[in-house]
Amino acid sequence: MSSSIALSVEDLTFSYGGKNALSRVNFKIQPGECTILLGPNGAGKSTLFSLITRLYDTRDGRIELCGLDIKRQTRLALAKLGVVFQQATLDMDLTVMQNLRYHTSLHGMGRKLAEQRIQIELERLAMYDRRFEKIRQLNGGHRRRVEIARALLHKPSLLLLDEPTVGLDVPSRLAIVDYVHHLVAEEGLGVLWASHLIDEIYPGDHLIVLHQGQVKANGTVDDVLKITGAPTIKDAFYLLTQGDQA
């Protein structure tokens, strides 16, 4: 397996109580590629993320991060991963700096390097001036920016985003979408972004449509439109996840 691939998922299957949540899921993400994972509620998106982050384990299938098997080389593999979960995971009673310093300590960074990385990431997200504010003083969009900064402090090769813009106002949501696409284009970051919002998809993105635990489409925006014969991604998504087309 070439380490030039940011994420490789092969024949991944997972069941809850005998019912398949994922069934033989296969896809790859290259460095510098933003992959949007589209799926209705219950499609298996959260299960997939839980398996990639090792919150869940399965005997069926294989996941590699930068060529590292997450089962056999767990610590090394997960060091390549940055994650922003749908549910907020910041400590509300700590400041922005305290939250980020805790993360750098978990990754074994020295104080000087940690301070440099924190400043860089917060400045890129226009949050450095608010570094001494407690998280509970920030609005939802600013909290998300802090979580994205935290996920990037250790310079991961792959960023997982689990519907990070849910509940945000439109300007905050679009600013985050634009920033992540900038990282992909300028820094070669691989991204897997779970979403159900069609307007978060850029023309150059890769798409995976997941429905009832199965991959229904996997390709560029143009590929998915051609496969379905649909005029828009919204129409294509409907065809792939509704009725007889599912």
Protein backbone atom coordinates (compact mmCIF):
# COMPACT_ATOMS: atom_id res chain seq x y z
CA MET A 1 0.00 0.00 0.00
CA SER A 2 1.45 3.34 -1.06
CA SER A 3 1.75 5.91 1.70
CA SER A 4 0.84 8.58 -0.87
CA ILE A 5 -2.80 7.65 -0.24
CA ALA A 6 -4.18 9.64 2.69
CA LEU A 7 -6.99 7.17 3.45
CA SER A 8 -7.81 3.73 2.11
CA VAL A 9 -10.98 1.88 3.08
CA GLU A 10 -11.33 -1.68 1.76
CA ASP A 11 -14.33 -4.01 2.07
CA LEU A 12 -15.42 -2.38 5.32
CA THR A 13 -18.44 -4.01 6.96
CA PHE A 14 -19.93 -3.31 10.37
CA SER A 15 -23.08 -4.58 12.10
CA TYR A 16 -25.18 -3.61 15.09
CA GLY A 17 -26.98 -6.60 16.55
CA GLY A 18 -26.94 -8.49 13.29
CA LYS A 19 -28.03 -5.54 11.15
CA ASN A 20 -25.45 -4.15 8.73
CA ALA A 21 -24.66 -0.46 9.24
CA LEU A 22 -21.95 -0.64 6.57
CA SER A 23 -21.63 -3.25 3.84
CA ARG A 24 -18.41 -3.71 1.82
CA VAL A 25 -17.50 -0.02 1.69
CA ASN A 26 -14.52 0.82 -0.53
CA PHE A 27 -12.91 4.16 -1.36
CA LYS A 28 -9.60 6.07 -1.31
CA ILE A 29 -8.69 9.69 -0.60
CA GLN A 30 -5.58 11.25 -2.12
CA PRO A 31 -3.56 14.07 -0.56
CA GLY A 32 -4.92 17.42 -1.74
CA GLU A 33 -8.37 15.95 -2.29
CA CYS A 34 -11.58 17.08 -0.59
CA THR A 35 -14.04 14.20 -0.46
CA ILE A 36 -17.62 15.00 0.51
CA LEU A 37 -19.49 12.12 2.14
CA LEU A 38 -23.18 12.60 1.41
CA GLY A 39 -25.89 10.49 2.96
CA PRO A 40 -29.29 10.77 4.63
CA ASN A 41 -29.68 10.16 8.35
CA GLY A 42 -28.92 6.53 9.14
CA ALA A 43 -26.79 6.05 6.02
CA GLY A 44 -23.77 4.95 8.06
CA LYS A 45 -21.68 8.15 8.00
CA SER A 46 -21.17 8.32 11.77
CA THR A 47 -20.38 4.60 11.93
CA LEU A 48 -17.74 5.04 9.25
CA PHE A 49 -16.14 7.91 11.17
CA SER A 50 -16.19 5.89 14.38
CA LEU A 51 -14.33 3.07 12.65
CA ILE A 52 -11.73 5.39 11.11
CA THR A 53 -11.06 7.01 14.51
CA ARG A 54 -11.00 3.62 16.28
CA LEU A 55 -13.98 4.38 18.50
CA TYR A 56 -15.39 1.19 16.99
CA ASP A 57 -13.59 -1.90 15.76
CA THR A 58 -14.55 -4.46 13.13
CA ARG A 59 -13.05 -7.75 11.96
CA ASP A 60 -14.37 -7.18 8.45
CA GLY A 61 -12.40 -4.90 6.16
CA ARG A 62 -9.27 -2.80 6.32
CA ILE A 63 -8.55 0.89 6.97
CA GLU A 64 -5.18 2.50 6.31
CA LEU A 65 -4.07 6.05 7.07
CA CYS A 66 -1.05 7.08 4.98
CA GLY A 67 -0.24 3.41 4.43
CA LEU A 68 -0.54 2.53 8.14
CA ASP A 69 -3.01 -0.15 9.19
CA ILE A 70 -5.14 1.33 11.98
CA LYS A 71 -5.46 -2.04 13.72
CA ARG A 72 -1.81 -3.07 13.71
CA GLN A 73 -0.23 0.41 13.83
CA THR A 74 -2.91 2.30 15.70
CA ARG A 75 -0.81 4.98 17.42
CA LEU A 76 1.23 5.84 14.34
CA ALA A 77 -1.85 5.83 12.10
CA LEU A 78 -4.00 8.04 14.32
CA ALA A 79 -1.14 10.54 14.62
CA LYS A 80 -1.79 11.28 10.94
CA LEU A 81 -5.43 12.14 11.65
CA GLY A 82 -7.18 15.36 12.67
CA VAL A 83 -10.86 15.20 13.65
CA VAL A 84 -13.72 17.65 14.15
CA PHE A 85 -16.73 15.80 15.50
CA GLN A 86 -20.32 16.94 15.03
CA GLN A 87 -20.76 17.31 18.78
CA ALA A 88 -18.57 19.97 20.39
CA THR A 89 -15.66 18.53 22.40
CA LEU A 90 -14.03 21.67 23.79
CA ASP A 91 -13.90 22.33 27.54
CA MET A 92 -16.31 25.22 27.99
CA ASP A 93 -14.68 26.49 31.18
CA LEU A 94 -11.17 26.68 29.75
CA THR A 95 -9.81 29.38 27.48
CA VAL A 96 -9.01 28.89 23.82
CA MET A 97 -5.30 28.65 24.69
CA GLN A 98 -5.86 26.16 27.50
CA ASN A 99 -7.87 23.88 25.23
CA LEU A 100 -5.22 23.98 22.53
CA ARG A 101 -2.28 23.57 24.89
CA TYR A 102 -3.90 20.44 26.29
CA HIS A 103 -4.14 19.02 22.77
CA THR A 104 -0.48 19.76 22.02
CA SER A 105 0.57 18.08 25.26
CA LEU A 106 -1.31 14.93 24.22
CA HIS A 107 0.80 14.91 21.06
CA GLY A 108 4.00 15.38 23.03
CA MET A 109 4.86 18.81 21.68
CA GLY A 110 7.31 21.00 23.56
CA ARG A 111 6.06 24.34 24.87
CA LYS A 112 7.86 26.47 22.28
CA LEU A 113 6.67 24.43 19.29
CA ALA A 114 3.15 24.27 20.75
CA GLU A 115 2.95 28.04 21.14
CA GLN A 116 4.17 28.53 17.57
CA ARG A 117 1.65 26.09 16.12
CA ILE A 118 -1.21 27.55 18.18
CA GLN A 119 -0.43 31.08 17.05
CA ILE A 120 -0.20 30.05 13.40
CA GLU A 121 -3.50 28.16 13.36
CA LEU A 122 -5.42 30.77 15.34
CA GLU A 123 -4.13 33.60 13.18
CA ARG A 124 -5.16 31.76 10.01
CA LEU A 125 -8.67 31.51 11.43
CA ALA A 126 -8.73 35.10 12.74
CA MET A 127 -9.02 33.85 16.34
CA TYR A 128 -5.64 34.76 17.87
CA ASP A 129 -6.96 37.95 19.49
CA ARG A 130 -9.52 35.84 21.35
CA ARG A 131 -7.08 33.25 22.65
CA PHE A 132 -7.60 34.14 26.32
CA GLU A 133 -11.41 34.01 26.18
CA LYS A 134 -13.26 31.06 27.64
CA ILE A 135 -14.95 28.80 25.12
CA ARG A 136 -18.40 29.52 26.55
CA GLN A 137 -17.91 33.20 25.65
CA LEU A 138 -17.62 32.35 21.94
CA ASN A 139 -20.44 31.88 19.46
CA GLY A 140 -20.93 28.63 17.57
CA GLY A 141 -18.93 29.68 14.53
CA HIS A 142 -15.94 30.76 16.60
CA ARG A 143 -16.01 27.55 18.63
CA ARG A 144 -15.88 25.60 15.38
CA ARG A 145 -12.86 27.61 14.29
CA VAL A 146 -11.10 26.67 17.51
CA GLU A 147 -11.92 22.99 16.94
CA ILE A 148 -10.53 23.16 13.41
CA ALA A 149 -7.38 24.88 14.69
CA ARG A 150 -7.00 22.16 17.32
CA ALA A 151 -7.37 19.41 14.70
CA LEU A 152 -4.55 20.93 12.64
CA LEU A 153 -2.00 21.61 15.40
CA HIS A 154 -0.11 18.34 14.91
CA LYS A 155 -0.11 18.75 11.10
CA PRO A 156 -2.25 15.75 10.15
CA SER A 157 -2.31 14.29 6.65
CA LEU A 158 -6.06 13.66 6.79
CA LEU A 159 -8.79 15.82 8.31
CA LEU A 160 -12.15 14.26 9.21
CA LEU A 161 -15.08 16.65 9.50
CA ASP A 162 -18.37 15.24 10.77
CA GLU A 163 -20.99 17.80 9.72
CA PRO A 164 -19.01 20.64 11.35
CA THR A 165 -21.28 23.43 10.10
CA VAL A 166 -24.57 22.14 11.52
CA GLY A 167 -26.37 24.93 13.38
CA LEU A 168 -24.10 27.73 12.21
CA ASP A 169 -25.28 30.90 10.49
CA VAL A 170 -24.65 31.16 6.76
CA PRO A 171 -21.58 33.48 6.90
CA SER A 172 -19.87 31.28 9.52
CA ARG A 173 -20.70 28.13 7.57
CA LEU A 174 -19.41 29.44 4.25
CA ALA A 175 -16.24 30.82 5.86
CA ILE A 176 -15.40 27.36 7.23
CA VAL A 177 -16.17 25.67 3.91
CA ASP A 178 -13.92 28.13 2.09
CA TYR A 179 -11.10 27.76 4.63
CA VAL A 180 -11.05 23.96 4.44
CA HIS A 181 -10.99 24.02 0.64
CA HIS A 182 -8.11 26.50 0.85
CA LEU A 183 -6.14 24.03 3.01
CA VAL A 184 -6.78 21.27 0.49
CA ALA A 185 -5.63 23.37 -2.46
CA GLU A 186 -2.68 25.14 -0.84
CA GLU A 187 -1.29 22.56 1.59
CA GLY A 188 -2.23 19.23 0.06
CA LEU A 189 -4.39 18.17 2.99
CA GLY A 190 -6.68 15.20 2.45
CA VAL A 191 -10.23 15.81 3.74
CA LEU A 192 -13.23 13.57 4.38
CA TRP A 193 -16.22 15.82 5.07
CA ALA A 194 -19.54 14.28 6.07
CA SER A 195 -22.38 16.59 5.12
CA HIS A 196 -25.95 16.72 3.92
CA LEU A 197 -25.68 20.29 2.59
CA ILE A 198 -25.30 20.38 -1.19
CA ASP A 199 -24.04 23.98 -1.24
CA GLU A 200 -20.91 22.92 0.67
CA ILE A 201 -19.71 20.99 -2.39
CA TYR A 202 -17.18 22.66 -4.69
CA PRO A 203 -16.98 21.68 -8.40
CA GLY A 204 -13.56 20.08 -7.93
CA ASP A 205 -14.59 17.93 -4.97
CA HIS A 206 -14.77 14.15 -4.91
CA LEU A 207 -18.15 12.72 -3.87
CA ILE A 208 -19.17 9.56 -2.06
CA VAL A 209 -22.90 8.95 -1.72
CA LEU A 210 -23.68 6.54 1.12
CA HIS A 211 -27.15 5.04 1.54
CA GLN A 212 -28.24 2.20 3.80
CA GLY A 213 -24.60 1.38 4.51
CA GLN A 214 -23.61 1.03 0.85
CA VAL A 215 -21.66 3.28 -1.49
CA LYS A 216 -24.07 4.31 -4.25
CA ALA A 217 -21.69 6.63 -6.08
CA ASN A 218 -17.97 7.40 -5.85
CA GLY A 219 -16.34 9.93 -8.14
CA THR A 220 -16.01 13.55 -9.15
CA VAL A 221 -19.00 15.87 -9.31
CA ASP A 222 -19.11 15.37 -13.08
CA ASP A 223 -18.85 11.58 -12.66
CA VAL A 224 -21.85 11.47 -10.34
CA LEU A 225 -23.91 13.67 -12.65
CA LYS A 226 -23.08 11.43 -15.62
CA ILE A 227 -23.81 8.21 -13.72
CA THR A 228 -27.25 9.41 -12.67
CA GLY A 229 -28.10 11.54 -15.70
CA ALA A 230 -29.17 14.25 -13.28
CA PRO A 231 -28.77 17.99 -13.98
CA THR A 232 -27.65 18.85 -10.44
CA ILE A 233 -26.04 17.12 -7.46
CA LYS A 234 -29.26 17.66 -5.51
CA ASP A 235 -31.17 15.70 -8.15
CA ALA A 236 -28.46 13.05 -8.31
CA PHE A 237 -28.54 12.61 -4.55
CA TYR A 238 -32.33 12.16 -4.64
CA LEU A 239 -32.10 9.53 -7.38
CA LEU A 240 -29.40 7.59 -5.50
CA THR A 241 -31.15 7.56 -2.13
CA GLN A 242 -34.87 7.36 -2.92
CA GLY A 243 -37.29 4.66 -4.06
CA ASP A 244 -36.23 2.10 -6.62
CA GLN A 245 -33.11 4.07 -7.48
CA ALA A 246 -31.68 3.40 -3.98
